[in-house]
Amino acid sequence: MKKSTIFLGIILIGLFITHPFLSQGNGDEWHKTPLDMENLKKSLSYVRGERKSDESWPRIIKYRQEVYDFKKDAFTKEEKTFEVKNRPLRIIPHAVGINEILWAICPRERIIAFNEFSADPEFCFIADQVKKRGPIFKSRQTELVIGNRPDLVFTVFYSGADFKEKLKQAKIPFFDLGYFGTIESIKKQTLLLGKIIGEEGNASALVSVIDKKLRELKKKIPKTAEPIRVLYYDEGGYIPGKSSNFTSICEMINVVNVGAEQGIKSWSQIDYETLLKWDPDIIIVPEGSNLKEQLMANEVLSHADAIKNDRVYYVPGVYLRVDSQFMLLSANLLAGIVYENPF
């Protein structure tokens, strides 16, 4: 059995150990992470701060919504307002990232249902706990969402127009959150969520934990003469660019996302010749694929540094898809992979 399979089994049962990632390019060594992964996850999973003295309802929330337009490959920003008549006590998050943030800042009895991706360890860091809590609905099962009688549903741009229209027809209030592509945008969305649900103190506390842990992580990062250049290569030859969460993960540990370096904005498809031309120091591929074997066996890429130095690594998909405070877990894991100095 391959070590990647063993590690996936560990992920699937929701276990975290101090050095959670097994190298798949450098023999049997374990990559040590700068921060203890289990403690880092715990600190980001449950926070409580001082409750704001002003508890008045209804309240008008003024905010700026930032959304990435994939057709135009550009951001759009719009000033908006949202009225919350009463403190939301029956909340349903329609996306994994929102669920992971709410799990940390909201009394959990107020989160009354979860979509199927939040119960899938391939997508969500708290999937095991979500499955225990339930109930679970599929993302398009509007009837189940409405049947749970929520007083607020949190949606995102990919929640679907039909889903939102059915919520509107059923007179279920919903709030559409914007961009989650960077750790800074996640902090802003966390504070916004706190205002909407009346948990400003907890939201501020989570942002403080993010800042504190990020400072601790950065202090552990060794200095290099030149930044290490990392390429995330996904199925079909797609790679992420500047607006992706991967760029933010790289920036947190002072490495370069080659896709962003080469001018890609969101996602773009490249061929092997382009990959060879860009010649990254390290290539990251999603666990569960056979992309490492494909890249290592390709004759065109035989002269690429990452191939010659056997620096192609599998990473579990949950770390690559993250769009919540758990992005710090991804940065911590990536640091353990890219820096050869032991922590």
C-alpha atoms as a PDB file:
ATOM      1  CA  MET A   1       0.000   0.000   0.000  1.00  0.00           C
ATOM      2  CA  LYS A   2       1.420   3.410  -0.897  1.00  0.00           C
ATOM      3  CA  LYS A   3       2.146   5.876   1.870  1.00  0.00           C
ATOM      4  CA  SER A   4      -0.200   8.362   0.146  1.00  0.00           C
ATOM      5  CA  THR A   5      -3.024   5.856   0.669  1.00  0.00           C
ATOM      6  CA  ILE A   6      -2.088   5.435   4.312  1.00  0.00           C
ATOM      7  CA  PHE A   7      -2.083   9.177   4.851  1.00  0.00           C
ATOM      8  CA  LEU A   8      -5.418   9.595   3.085  1.00  0.00           C
ATOM      9  CA  GLY A   9      -6.842   7.048   5.511  1.00  0.00           C
ATOM     10  CA  ILE A  10      -5.586   9.163   8.378  1.00  0.00           C
ATOM     11  CA  ILE A  11      -7.221  12.238   6.902  1.00  0.00           C
ATOM     12  CA  LEU A  12     -10.491  10.405   6.355  1.00  0.00           C
ATOM     13  CA  ILE A  13     -10.820   9.527  10.013  1.00  0.00           C
ATOM     14  CA  GLY A  14     -10.047  13.115  10.927  1.00  0.00           C
ATOM     15  CA  LEU A  15      -6.793  12.593  12.813  1.00  0.00           C
ATOM     16  CA  PHE A  16      -4.037  15.168  12.991  1.00  0.00           C
ATOM     17  CA  ILE A  17      -0.556  14.546  14.291  1.00  0.00           C
ATOM     18  CA  THR A  18       2.335  16.874  14.881  1.00  0.00           C
ATOM     19  CA  HIS A  19       4.043  16.204  11.555  1.00  0.00           C
ATOM     20  CA  PRO A  20       1.106  15.453   9.298  1.00  0.00           C
ATOM     21  CA  PHE A  21       2.562  15.173   5.826  1.00  0.00           C
ATOM     22  CA  LEU A  22       4.583  12.290   4.440  1.00  0.00           C
ATOM     23  CA  SER A  23       7.046  13.131   1.682  1.00  0.00           C
ATOM     24  CA  GLN A  24       6.336  11.407  -1.604  1.00  0.00           C
ATOM     25  CA  GLY A  25       9.511  12.511  -3.315  1.00  0.00           C
ATOM     26  CA  ASN A  26      12.321  12.163  -0.797  1.00  0.00           C
ATOM     27  CA  GLY A  27      12.264   8.650   0.575  1.00  0.00           C
ATOM     28  CA  ASP A  28      10.602   7.965   3.883  1.00  0.00           C
ATOM     29  CA  GLU A  29      11.233  11.215   5.750  1.00  0.00           C
ATOM     30  CA  TRP A  30       8.410  13.121   7.377  1.00  0.00           C
ATOM     31  CA  HIS A  31       8.103  16.826   6.675  1.00  0.00           C
ATOM     32  CA  LYS A  32       8.042  18.673   9.964  1.00  0.00           C
ATOM     33  CA  THR A  33       5.754  21.678  10.053  1.00  0.00           C
ATOM     34  CA  PRO A  34       6.790  24.981  11.686  1.00  0.00           C
ATOM     35  CA  LEU A  35       3.765  24.965  14.033  1.00  0.00           C
ATOM     36  CA  ASP A  36       2.153  21.982  15.706  1.00  0.00           C
ATOM     37  CA  MET A  37      -0.720  21.134  13.376  1.00  0.00           C
ATOM     38  CA  GLU A  38      -3.120  19.775  15.985  1.00  0.00           C
ATOM     39  CA  ASN A  39      -2.739  22.781  18.288  1.00  0.00           C
ATOM     40  CA  LEU A  40      -3.033  25.170  15.361  1.00  0.00           C
ATOM     41  CA  LYS A  41      -6.273  23.553  14.235  1.00  0.00           C
ATOM     42  CA  LYS A  42      -7.722  23.676  17.754  1.00  0.00           C
ATOM     43  CA  SER A  43      -6.874  27.352  18.168  1.00  0.00           C
ATOM     44  CA  LEU A  44      -8.686  28.162  14.905  1.00  0.00           C
ATOM     45  CA  SER A  45     -11.734  25.982  15.589  1.00  0.00           C
ATOM     46  CA  TYR A  46     -13.246  27.615  18.664  1.00  0.00           C
ATOM     47  CA  VAL A  47     -12.750  31.192  19.886  1.00  0.00           C
ATOM     48  CA  ARG A  48     -14.643  33.396  22.288  1.00  0.00           C
ATOM     49  CA  GLY A  49     -14.220  37.122  22.810  1.00  0.00           C
ATOM     50  CA  GLU A  50     -15.987  39.857  24.730  1.00  0.00           C
ATOM     51  CA  ARG A  51     -19.593  40.419  23.723  1.00  0.00           C
ATOM     52  CA  LYS A  52     -20.382  43.852  22.335  1.00  0.00           C
ATOM     53  CA  SER A  53     -22.478  45.951  24.717  1.00  0.00           C
ATOM     54  CA  ASP A  54     -24.760  47.229  21.923  1.00  0.00           C
ATOM     55  CA  GLU A  55     -27.180  44.343  21.340  1.00  0.00           C
ATOM     56  CA  SER A  56     -29.894  46.309  19.551  1.00  0.00           C
ATOM     57  CA  TRP A  57     -32.026  44.704  16.862  1.00  0.00           C
ATOM     58  CA  PRO A  58     -32.978  45.192  14.103  1.00  0.00           C
ATOM     59  CA  ARG A  59     -29.667  46.354  12.686  1.00  0.00           C
ATOM     60  CA  ILE A  60     -28.588  47.647   9.294  1.00  0.00           C
ATOM     61  CA  ILE A  61     -25.308  46.184   8.066  1.00  0.00           C
ATOM     62  CA  LYS A  62     -23.353  48.342   5.620  1.00  0.00           C
ATOM     63  CA  TYR A  63     -20.640  46.505   3.720  1.00  0.00           C
ATOM     64  CA  ARG A  64     -18.659  46.373   0.506  1.00  0.00           C
ATOM     65  CA  GLN A  65     -19.169  43.201  -1.488  1.00  0.00           C
ATOM     66  CA  GLU A  66     -16.195  42.084  -3.576  1.00  0.00           C
ATOM     67  CA  VAL A  67     -16.788  39.348  -6.139  1.00  0.00           C
ATOM     68  CA  TYR A  68     -14.514  37.851  -8.773  1.00  0.00           C
ATOM     69  CA  ASP A  69     -16.057  37.873 -12.250  1.00  0.00           C
ATOM     70  CA  PHE A  70     -14.576  34.819 -13.970  1.00  0.00           C
ATOM     71  CA  LYS A  71     -15.942  35.837 -17.393  1.00  0.00           C
ATOM     72  CA  LYS A  72     -14.212  39.222 -17.258  1.00  0.00           C
ATOM     73  CA  ASP A  73     -11.305  37.911 -15.182  1.00  0.00           C
ATOM     74  CA  ALA A  74     -11.648  40.898 -12.870  1.00  0.00           C
ATOM     75  CA  PHE A  75     -13.066  41.953  -9.506  1.00  0.00           C
ATOM     76  CA  THR A  76     -16.293  43.861  -9.037  1.00  0.00           C
ATOM     77  CA  LYS A  77     -17.030  45.870  -5.883  1.00  0.00           C
ATOM     78  CA  GLU A  78     -20.364  47.208  -4.730  1.00  0.00           C
ATOM     79  CA  GLU A  79     -21.511  49.087  -1.632  1.00  0.00           C
ATOM     80  CA  LYS A  80     -24.531  47.348  -0.081  1.00  0.00           C
ATOM     81  CA  THR A  81     -26.761  47.266   2.986  1.00  0.00           C
ATOM     82  CA  PHE A  82     -28.481  44.338   4.675  1.00  0.00           C
ATOM     83  CA  GLU A  83     -31.173  44.467   7.353  1.00  0.00           C
ATOM     84  CA  VAL A  84     -31.196  41.846  10.110  1.00  0.00           C
ATOM     85  CA  LYS A  85     -34.493  42.061  11.983  1.00  0.00           C
ATOM     86  CA  ASN A  86     -33.578  39.754  14.874  1.00  0.00           C
ATOM     87  CA  ARG A  87     -30.522  37.863  16.102  1.00  0.00           C
ATOM     88  CA  PRO A  88     -30.307  34.823  13.780  1.00  0.00           C
ATOM     89  CA  LEU A  89     -30.811  31.686  15.861  1.00  0.00           C
ATOM     90  CA  ARG A  90     -31.342  29.142  13.068  1.00  0.00           C
ATOM     91  CA  ILE A  91     -28.471  29.518  10.606  1.00  0.00           C
ATOM     92  CA  ILE A  92     -27.556  27.423   7.560  1.00  0.00           C
ATOM     93  CA  PRO A  93     -24.224  27.945   5.761  1.00  0.00           C
ATOM     94  CA  HIS A  94     -24.335  26.973   2.092  1.00  0.00           C
ATOM     95  CA  ALA A  95     -20.541  26.717   1.643  1.00  0.00           C
ATOM     96  CA  VAL A  96     -17.671  24.983   3.419  1.00  0.00           C
ATOM     97  CA  GLY A  97     -15.656  28.127   4.137  1.00  0.00           C
ATOM     98  CA  ILE A  98     -18.600  29.882   5.779  1.00  0.00           C
ATOM     99  CA  ASN A  99     -19.347  26.790   7.847  1.00  0.00           C
ATOM    100  CA  GLU A 100     -15.746  26.572   9.083  1.00  0.00           C
ATOM    101  CA  ILE A 101     -15.780  30.227  10.162  1.00  0.00           C
ATOM    102  CA  LEU A 102     -19.179  29.946  11.857  1.00  0.00           C
ATOM    103  CA  TRP A 103     -18.033  26.778  13.633  1.00  0.00           C
ATOM    104  CA  ALA A 104     -15.378  28.878  15.360  1.00  0.00           C
ATOM    105  CA  ILE A 105     -17.372  32.009  16.219  1.00  0.00           C
ATOM    106  CA  CYS A 106     -21.035  31.016  16.508  1.00  0.00           C
ATOM    107  CA  PRO A 107     -22.690  28.983  19.284  1.00  0.00           C
ATOM    108  CA  ARG A 108     -22.963  25.690  17.433  1.00  0.00           C
ATOM    109  CA  GLU A 109     -26.568  24.984  18.351  1.00  0.00           C
ATOM    110  CA  ARG A 110     -27.457  27.929  16.109  1.00  0.00           C
ATOM    111  CA  ILE A 111     -26.039  26.154  13.035  1.00  0.00           C
ATOM    112  CA  ILE A 112     -28.933  23.843  12.189  1.00  0.00           C
ATOM    113  CA  ALA A 113     -27.905  22.100   8.929  1.00  0.00           C
ATOM    114  CA  PHE A 114     -24.872  21.577   6.710  1.00  0.00           C
ATOM    115  CA  ASN A 115     -24.327  20.889   3.017  1.00  0.00           C
ATOM    116  CA  GLU A 116     -22.719  17.630   1.900  1.00  0.00           C
ATOM    117  CA  PHE A 117     -19.328  19.173   1.168  1.00  0.00           C
ATOM    118  CA  SER A 118     -18.995  20.276   4.783  1.00  0.00           C
ATOM    119  CA  ALA A 119     -19.380  16.608   5.749  1.00  0.00           C
ATOM    120  CA  ASP A 120     -16.714  15.465   3.274  1.00  0.00           C
ATOM    121  CA  PRO A 121     -13.098  15.329   4.560  1.00  0.00           C
ATOM    122  CA  GLU A 122     -11.889  15.975   1.024  1.00  0.00           C
ATOM    123  CA  PHE A 123     -13.391  19.461   1.299  1.00  0.00           C
ATOM    124  CA  CYS A 124     -13.766  20.343   4.974  1.00  0.00           C
ATOM    125  CA  PHE A 125     -11.384  20.266   7.944  1.00  0.00           C
ATOM    126  CA  ILE A 126     -14.214  19.688  10.431  1.00  0.00           C
ATOM    127  CA  ALA A 127     -16.110  17.086   8.390  1.00  0.00           C
ATOM    128  CA  ASP A 128     -16.039  14.480  11.158  1.00  0.00           C
ATOM    129  CA  GLN A 129     -17.703  16.859  13.611  1.00  0.00           C
ATOM    130  CA  VAL A 130     -20.223  18.034  11.020  1.00  0.00           C
ATOM    131  CA  LYS A 131     -21.275  14.432  10.285  1.00  0.00           C
ATOM    132  CA  LYS A 132     -21.884  13.854  13.985  1.00  0.00           C
ATOM    133  CA  ARG A 133     -24.024  16.980  14.253  1.00  0.00           C
ATOM    134  CA  GLY A 134     -26.023  16.949  11.010  1.00  0.00           C
ATOM    135  CA  PRO A 135     -28.461  17.090   9.412  1.00  0.00           C
ATOM    136  CA  ILE A 136     -26.760  17.044   6.006  1.00  0.00           C
ATOM    137  CA  PHE A 137     -28.354  18.283   2.794  1.00  0.00           C
ATOM    138  CA  LYS A 138     -27.150  18.349  -0.797  1.00  0.00           C
ATOM    139  CA  SER A 139     -26.325  21.782  -2.127  1.00  0.00           C
ATOM    140  CA  ARG A 140     -29.269  21.869  -4.532  1.00  0.00           C
ATOM    141  CA  GLN A 141     -31.819  20.438  -2.113  1.00  0.00           C
ATOM    142  CA  THR A 142     -33.582  23.719  -1.488  1.00  0.00           C
ATOM    143  CA  GLU A 143     -36.640  21.938  -0.106  1.00  0.00           C
ATOM    144  CA  LEU A 144     -34.613  20.471   2.770  1.00  0.00           C
ATOM    145  CA  VAL A 145     -33.071  23.846   3.501  1.00  0.00           C
ATOM    146  CA  ILE A 146     -36.474  25.527   3.579  1.00  0.00           C
ATOM    147  CA  GLY A 147     -37.921  22.632   5.588  1.00  0.00           C
ATOM    148  CA  ASN A 148     -35.420  23.306   8.382  1.00  0.00           C
ATOM    149  CA  ARG A 149     -37.020  26.759   8.815  1.00  0.00           C
ATOM    150  CA  PRO A 150     -33.808  28.812   8.994  1.00  0.00           C
ATOM    151  CA  ASP A 151     -34.017  32.490   9.827  1.00  0.00           C
ATOM    152  CA  LEU A 152     -30.848  33.121   7.804  1.00  0.00           C
ATOM    153  CA  VAL A 153     -28.971  31.255   5.056  1.00  0.00           C
ATOM    154  CA  PHE A 154     -25.435  32.271   4.100  1.00  0.00           C
ATOM    155  CA  THR A 155     -24.774  31.803   0.382  1.00  0.00           C
ATOM    156  CA  VAL A 156     -21.859  32.483  -1.972  1.00  0.00           C
ATOM    157  CA  PHE A 157     -21.572  33.366  -5.647  1.00  0.00           C
ATOM    158  CA  TYR A 158     -21.620  29.698  -6.718  1.00  0.00           C
ATOM    159  CA  SER A 159     -24.703  28.801  -4.650  1.00  0.00           C
ATOM    160  CA  GLY A 160     -26.783  29.062  -7.812  1.00  0.00           C
ATOM    161  CA  ALA A 161     -29.437  31.500  -8.990  1.00  0.00           C
ATOM    162  CA  ASP A 162     -32.214  28.870  -8.794  1.00  0.00           C
ATOM    163  CA  PHE A 163     -31.351  28.062  -5.178  1.00  0.00           C
ATOM    164  CA  LYS A 164     -31.440  31.729  -4.192  1.00  0.00           C
ATOM    165  CA  GLU A 165     -34.664  32.353  -6.089  1.00  0.00           C
ATOM    166  CA  LYS A 166     -36.402  29.500  -4.240  1.00  0.00           C
ATOM    167  CA  LEU A 167     -35.212  30.921  -0.921  1.00  0.00           C
ATOM    168  CA  LYS A 168     -36.624  34.278  -1.943  1.00  0.00           C
ATOM    169  CA  GLN A 169     -39.972  32.737  -2.912  1.00  0.00           C
ATOM    170  CA  ALA A 170     -40.137  30.969   0.456  1.00  0.00           C
ATOM    171  CA  LYS A 171     -39.286  34.264   2.155  1.00  0.00           C
ATOM    172  CA  ILE A 172     -36.140  32.792   3.713  1.00  0.00           C
ATOM    173  CA  PRO A 173     -33.603  35.593   4.323  1.00  0.00           C
ATOM    174  CA  PHE A 174     -30.197  34.910   2.792  1.00  0.00           C
ATOM    175  CA  PHE A 175     -26.950  36.824   2.713  1.00  0.00           C
ATOM    176  CA  ASP A 176     -24.579  36.437  -0.228  1.00  0.00           C
ATOM    177  CA  LEU A 177     -20.944  36.659   0.832  1.00  0.00           C
ATOM    178  CA  GLY A 178     -18.205  37.787  -1.528  1.00  0.00           C
ATOM    179  CA  TYR A 179     -14.566  37.009  -2.231  1.00  0.00           C
ATOM    180  CA  PHE A 180     -12.655  34.561  -0.002  1.00  0.00           C
ATOM    181  CA  GLY A 181      -9.393  34.242  -1.961  1.00  0.00           C
ATOM    182  CA  THR A 182      -6.866  35.649   0.529  1.00  0.00           C
ATOM    183  CA  ILE A 183      -6.324  35.462   4.255  1.00  0.00           C
ATOM    184  CA  GLU A 184      -7.092  39.201   4.419  1.00  0.00           C
ATOM    185  CA  SER A 185     -10.440  38.707   2.654  1.00  0.00           C
ATOM    186  CA  ILE A 186     -11.238  35.858   5.052  1.00  0.00           C
ATOM    187  CA  LYS A 187     -10.582  38.152   8.013  1.00  0.00           C
ATOM    188  CA  LYS A 188     -12.941  40.759   6.524  1.00  0.00           C
ATOM    189  CA  GLN A 189     -15.658  38.165   5.906  1.00  0.00           C
ATOM    190  CA  THR A 190     -15.222  36.849   9.453  1.00  0.00           C
ATOM    191  CA  LEU A 191     -15.845  40.308  10.910  1.00  0.00           C
ATOM    192  CA  LEU A 192     -18.838  40.774   8.603  1.00  0.00           C
ATOM    193  CA  LEU A 193     -20.311  37.416   9.664  1.00  0.00           C
ATOM    194  CA  GLY A 194     -19.830  38.439  13.289  1.00  0.00           C
ATOM    195  CA  LYS A 195     -21.839  41.628  12.783  1.00  0.00           C
ATOM    196  CA  ILE A 196     -24.668  39.835  11.012  1.00  0.00           C
ATOM    197  CA  ILE A 197     -25.143  37.111  13.631  1.00  0.00           C
ATOM    198  CA  GLY A 198     -24.408  39.321  16.646  1.00  0.00           C
ATOM    199  CA  GLU A 199     -21.096  37.668  17.548  1.00  0.00           C
ATOM    200  CA  GLU A 200     -18.717  40.568  16.922  1.00  0.00           C
ATOM    201  CA  GLY A 201     -16.589  39.702  19.937  1.00  0.00           C
ATOM    202  CA  ASN A 202     -15.986  36.147  18.782  1.00  0.00           C
ATOM    203  CA  ALA A 203     -15.283  37.268  15.211  1.00  0.00           C
ATOM    204  CA  SER A 204     -12.716  39.810  16.409  1.00  0.00           C
ATOM    205  CA  ALA A 205     -11.155  37.119  18.598  1.00  0.00           C
ATOM    206  CA  LEU A 206     -10.785  34.773  15.624  1.00  0.00           C
ATOM    207  CA  VAL A 207      -9.130  37.506  13.563  1.00  0.00           C
ATOM    208  CA  SER A 208      -6.724  38.108  16.463  1.00  0.00           C
ATOM    209  CA  VAL A 209      -5.903  34.380  16.583  1.00  0.00           C
ATOM    210  CA  ILE A 210      -5.270  34.377  12.816  1.00  0.00           C
ATOM    211  CA  ASP A 211      -2.905  37.341  13.153  1.00  0.00           C
ATOM    212  CA  LYS A 212      -1.106  35.819  16.145  1.00  0.00           C
ATOM    213  CA  LYS A 213      -0.612  32.408  14.544  1.00  0.00           C
ATOM    214  CA  LEU A 214       0.496  33.972  11.272  1.00  0.00           C
ATOM    215  CA  ARG A 215       3.176  35.961  13.125  1.00  0.00           C
ATOM    216  CA  GLU A 216       4.320  32.777  14.844  1.00  0.00           C
ATOM    217  CA  LEU A 217       4.457  30.963  11.512  1.00  0.00           C
ATOM    218  CA  LYS A 218       6.451  33.715   9.804  1.00  0.00           C
ATOM    219  CA  LYS A 219       9.004  33.751  12.618  1.00  0.00           C
ATOM    220  CA  LYS A 220       9.713  30.069  11.961  1.00  0.00           C
ATOM    221  CA  ILE A 221      10.298  30.492   8.231  1.00  0.00           C
ATOM    222  CA  PRO A 222      14.018  30.294   7.314  1.00  0.00           C
ATOM    223  CA  LYS A 223      15.476  33.022   5.135  1.00  0.00           C
ATOM    224  CA  THR A 224      16.603  32.055   1.647  1.00  0.00           C
ATOM    225  CA  ALA A 225      18.822  33.883  -0.843  1.00  0.00           C
ATOM    226  CA  GLU A 226      16.018  33.750  -3.396  1.00  0.00           C
ATOM    227  CA  PRO A 227      12.309  32.995  -2.821  1.00  0.00           C
ATOM    228  CA  ILE A 228      11.392  29.387  -3.536  1.00  0.00           C
ATOM    229  CA  ARG A 229       9.155  29.132  -6.610  1.00  0.00           C
ATOM    230  CA  VAL A 230       6.213  26.726  -6.270  1.00  0.00           C
ATOM    231  CA  LEU A 231       3.801  25.599  -8.975  1.00  0.00           C
ATOM    232  CA  TYR A 232       0.454  24.021  -8.103  1.00  0.00           C
ATOM    233  CA  TYR A 233      -0.396  21.743 -11.038  1.00  0.00           C
ATOM    234  CA  ASP A 234      -3.934  20.347 -11.098  1.00  0.00           C
ATOM    235  CA  GLU A 235      -5.839  17.905 -13.298  1.00  0.00           C
ATOM    236  CA  GLY A 236      -5.884  18.876 -16.972  1.00  0.00           C
ATOM    237  CA  GLY A 237      -2.838  21.102 -16.577  1.00  0.00           C
ATOM    238  CA  TYR A 238      -4.723  23.869 -14.784  1.00  0.00           C
ATOM    239  CA  ILE A 239      -2.780  26.128 -12.441  1.00  0.00           C
ATOM    240  CA  PRO A 240      -3.935  28.935 -10.122  1.00  0.00           C
ATOM    241  CA  GLY A 241      -2.925  32.557 -10.459  1.00  0.00           C
ATOM    242  CA  LYS A 242      -2.902  35.805  -8.527  1.00  0.00           C
ATOM    243  CA  SER A 243      -6.509  35.850  -7.291  1.00  0.00           C
ATOM    244  CA  SER A 244      -6.412  32.262  -5.996  1.00  0.00           C
ATOM    245  CA  ASN A 245      -6.139  31.121  -2.403  1.00  0.00           C
ATOM    246  CA  PHE A 246      -2.882  29.378  -3.334  1.00  0.00           C
ATOM    247  CA  THR A 247      -1.177  32.730  -3.883  1.00  0.00           C
ATOM    248  CA  SER A 248      -2.187  33.838  -0.401  1.00  0.00           C
ATOM    249  CA  ILE A 249      -0.939  30.552   1.073  1.00  0.00           C
ATOM    250  CA  CYS A 250       2.408  31.065  -0.658  1.00  0.00           C
ATOM    251  CA  GLU A 251       2.708  34.674   0.462  1.00  0.00           C
ATOM    252  CA  MET A 252       2.153  33.662   4.091  1.00  0.00           C
ATOM    253  CA  ILE A 253       5.363  31.617   4.014  1.00  0.00           C
ATOM    254  CA  ASN A 254       7.416  33.852   1.682  1.00  0.00           C
ATOM    255  CA  VAL A 255       7.377  31.629  -1.383  1.00  0.00           C
ATOM    256  CA  VAL A 256       6.299  32.484  -4.930  1.00  0.00           C
ATOM    257  CA  ASN A 257       3.264  31.061  -6.702  1.00  0.00           C
ATOM    258  CA  VAL A 258       4.671  30.572 -10.207  1.00  0.00           C
ATOM    259  CA  GLY A 259       1.225  30.965 -11.766  1.00  0.00           C
ATOM    260  CA  ALA A 260       0.851  34.444 -10.278  1.00  0.00           C
ATOM    261  CA  GLU A 261       4.467  35.266 -11.148  1.00  0.00           C
ATOM    262  CA  GLN A 262       3.720  34.478 -14.804  1.00  0.00           C
ATOM    263  CA  GLY A 263       0.690  36.786 -14.946  1.00  0.00           C
ATOM    264  CA  ILE A 264      -2.186  34.329 -14.529  1.00  0.00           C
ATOM    265  CA  LYS A 265      -5.118  35.985 -12.755  1.00  0.00           C
ATOM    266  CA  SER A 266      -7.475  33.166 -11.726  1.00  0.00           C
ATOM    267  CA  TRP A 267      -6.874  29.763 -13.377  1.00  0.00           C
ATOM    268  CA  SER A 268      -5.252  28.882 -16.672  1.00  0.00           C
ATOM    269  CA  GLN A 269      -4.262  25.737 -18.546  1.00  0.00           C
ATOM    270  CA  ILE A 270      -0.632  25.195 -19.538  1.00  0.00           C
ATOM    271  CA  ASP A 271       1.231  22.538 -21.505  1.00  0.00           C
ATOM    272  CA  TYR A 272       4.408  20.698 -20.575  1.00  0.00           C
ATOM    273  CA  GLU A 273       6.588  23.012 -22.673  1.00  0.00           C
ATOM    274  CA  THR A 274       5.336  26.003 -20.686  1.00  0.00           C
ATOM    275  CA  LEU A 275       5.892  24.194 -17.405  1.00  0.00           C
ATOM    276  CA  LEU A 276       9.476  23.441 -18.460  1.00  0.00           C
ATOM    277  CA  LYS A 277      10.025  27.062 -19.503  1.00  0.00           C
ATOM    278  CA  TRP A 278       8.795  28.364 -16.144  1.00  0.00           C
ATOM    279  CA  ASP A 279      10.906  25.705 -14.378  1.00  0.00           C
ATOM    280  CA  PRO A 280       9.564  25.861 -10.799  1.00  0.00           C
ATOM    281  CA  ASP A 281      11.661  24.705  -7.851  1.00  0.00           C
ATOM    282  CA  ILE A 282       8.781  22.621  -6.485  1.00  0.00           C
ATOM    283  CA  ILE A 283       5.581  21.233  -7.992  1.00  0.00           C
ATOM    284  CA  ILE A 284       2.495  20.531  -5.871  1.00  0.00           C
ATOM    285  CA  VAL A 285      -0.168  18.137  -7.168  1.00  0.00           C
ATOM    286  CA  PRO A 286      -3.463  16.988  -5.591  1.00  0.00           C
ATOM    287  CA  GLU A 287      -3.479  13.714  -3.693  1.00  0.00           C
ATOM    288  CA  GLY A 288      -5.671  11.057  -5.291  1.00  0.00           C
ATOM    289  CA  SER A 289      -4.415  11.837  -8.789  1.00  0.00           C
ATOM    290  CA  ASN A 290      -1.499  10.175 -10.563  1.00  0.00           C
ATOM    291  CA  LEU A 291      -0.074  13.502 -11.693  1.00  0.00           C
ATOM    292  CA  LYS A 292       3.284  13.048 -10.009  1.00  0.00           C
ATOM    293  CA  GLU A 293       3.899   9.829 -11.903  1.00  0.00           C
ATOM    294  CA  GLN A 294       2.814  11.474 -15.173  1.00  0.00           C
ATOM    295  CA  LEU A 295       5.119  14.444 -14.688  1.00  0.00           C
ATOM    296  CA  MET A 296       8.088  12.361 -13.564  1.00  0.00           C
ATOM    297  CA  ALA A 297       7.757  10.043 -16.579  1.00  0.00           C
ATOM    298  CA  ASN A 298       7.384  12.767 -19.222  1.00  0.00           C
ATOM    299  CA  GLU A 299      10.417  13.147 -21.490  1.00  0.00           C
ATOM    300  CA  VAL A 300       9.776  16.850 -22.138  1.00  0.00           C
ATOM    301  CA  LEU A 301      10.008  17.581 -18.413  1.00  0.00           C
ATOM    302  CA  SER A 302      13.074  15.464 -17.728  1.00  0.00           C
ATOM    303  CA  HIS A 303      15.279  18.585 -17.579  1.00  0.00           C
ATOM    304  CA  ALA A 304      12.994  20.548 -15.227  1.00  0.00           C
ATOM    305  CA  ASP A 305      14.577  21.201 -11.834  1.00  0.00           C
ATOM    306  CA  ALA A 306      11.611  19.920  -9.835  1.00  0.00           C
ATOM    307  CA  ILE A 307      11.664  16.668 -11.803  1.00  0.00           C
ATOM    308  CA  LYS A 308      15.448  16.184 -11.652  1.00  0.00           C
ATOM    309  CA  ASN A 309      15.487  16.912  -7.914  1.00  0.00           C
ATOM    310  CA  ASP A 310      12.435  14.741  -7.215  1.00  0.00           C
ATOM    311  CA  ARG A 311      10.552  17.676  -5.713  1.00  0.00           C
ATOM    312  CA  VAL A 312       7.014  16.885  -6.835  1.00  0.00           C
ATOM    313  CA  TYR A 313       4.687  16.401  -3.874  1.00  0.00           C
ATOM    314  CA  TYR A 314       1.156  15.188  -3.338  1.00  0.00           C
ATOM    315  CA  VAL A 315      -0.993  17.353  -1.050  1.00  0.00           C
ATOM    316  CA  PRO A 316      -4.467  16.349   0.211  1.00  0.00           C
ATOM    317  CA  GLY A 317      -7.137  18.301  -1.630  1.00  0.00           C
ATOM    318  CA  VAL A 318      -8.661  19.794   1.521  1.00  0.00           C
ATOM    319  CA  TYR A 319      -5.504  21.884   1.968  1.00  0.00           C
ATOM    320  CA  LEU A 320      -5.688  23.145  -1.608  1.00  0.00           C
ATOM    321  CA  ARG A 321      -9.397  24.049  -1.643  1.00  0.00           C
ATOM    322  CA  VAL A 322      -9.490  25.851   1.708  1.00  0.00           C
ATOM    323  CA  ASP A 323     -11.171  29.270   1.922  1.00  0.00           C
ATOM    324  CA  SER A 324     -11.446  29.894   5.643  1.00  0.00           C
ATOM    325  CA  GLN A 325      -9.227  30.539   8.674  1.00  0.00           C
ATOM    326  CA  PHE A 326      -7.865  27.038   8.083  1.00  0.00           C
ATOM    327  CA  MET A 327      -5.815  28.494   5.232  1.00  0.00           C
ATOM    328  CA  LEU A 328      -3.191  28.777   7.968  1.00  0.00           C
ATOM    329  CA  LEU A 329      -3.113  24.972   8.166  1.00  0.00           C
ATOM    330  CA  SER A 330      -2.334  24.897   4.443  1.00  0.00           C
ATOM    331  CA  ALA A 331       0.433  27.477   4.809  1.00  0.00           C
ATOM    332  CA  ASN A 332       1.899  25.523   7.725  1.00  0.00           C
ATOM    333  CA  LEU A 333       1.817  22.288   5.719  1.00  0.00           C
ATOM    334  CA  LEU A 334       3.330  23.901   2.611  1.00  0.00           C
ATOM    335  CA  ALA A 335       6.136  25.406   4.694  1.00  0.00           C
ATOM    336  CA  GLY A 336       7.004  21.935   5.943  1.00  0.00           C
ATOM    337  CA  ILE A 337       7.266  20.763   2.335  1.00  0.00           C
ATOM    338  CA  VAL A 338       9.197  23.573   0.664  1.00  0.00           C
ATOM    339  CA  TYR A 339      11.820  24.365   3.312  1.00  0.00           C
ATOM    340  CA  GLU A 340      14.499  21.737   3.713  1.00  0.00           C
ATOM    341  CA  ASN A 341      15.738  23.105   7.046  1.00  0.00           C
ATOM    342  CA  PRO A 342      14.213  21.151   9.944  1.00  0.00           C
ATOM    343  CA  PHE A 343      11.867  23.096  12.195  1.00  0.00           C
END
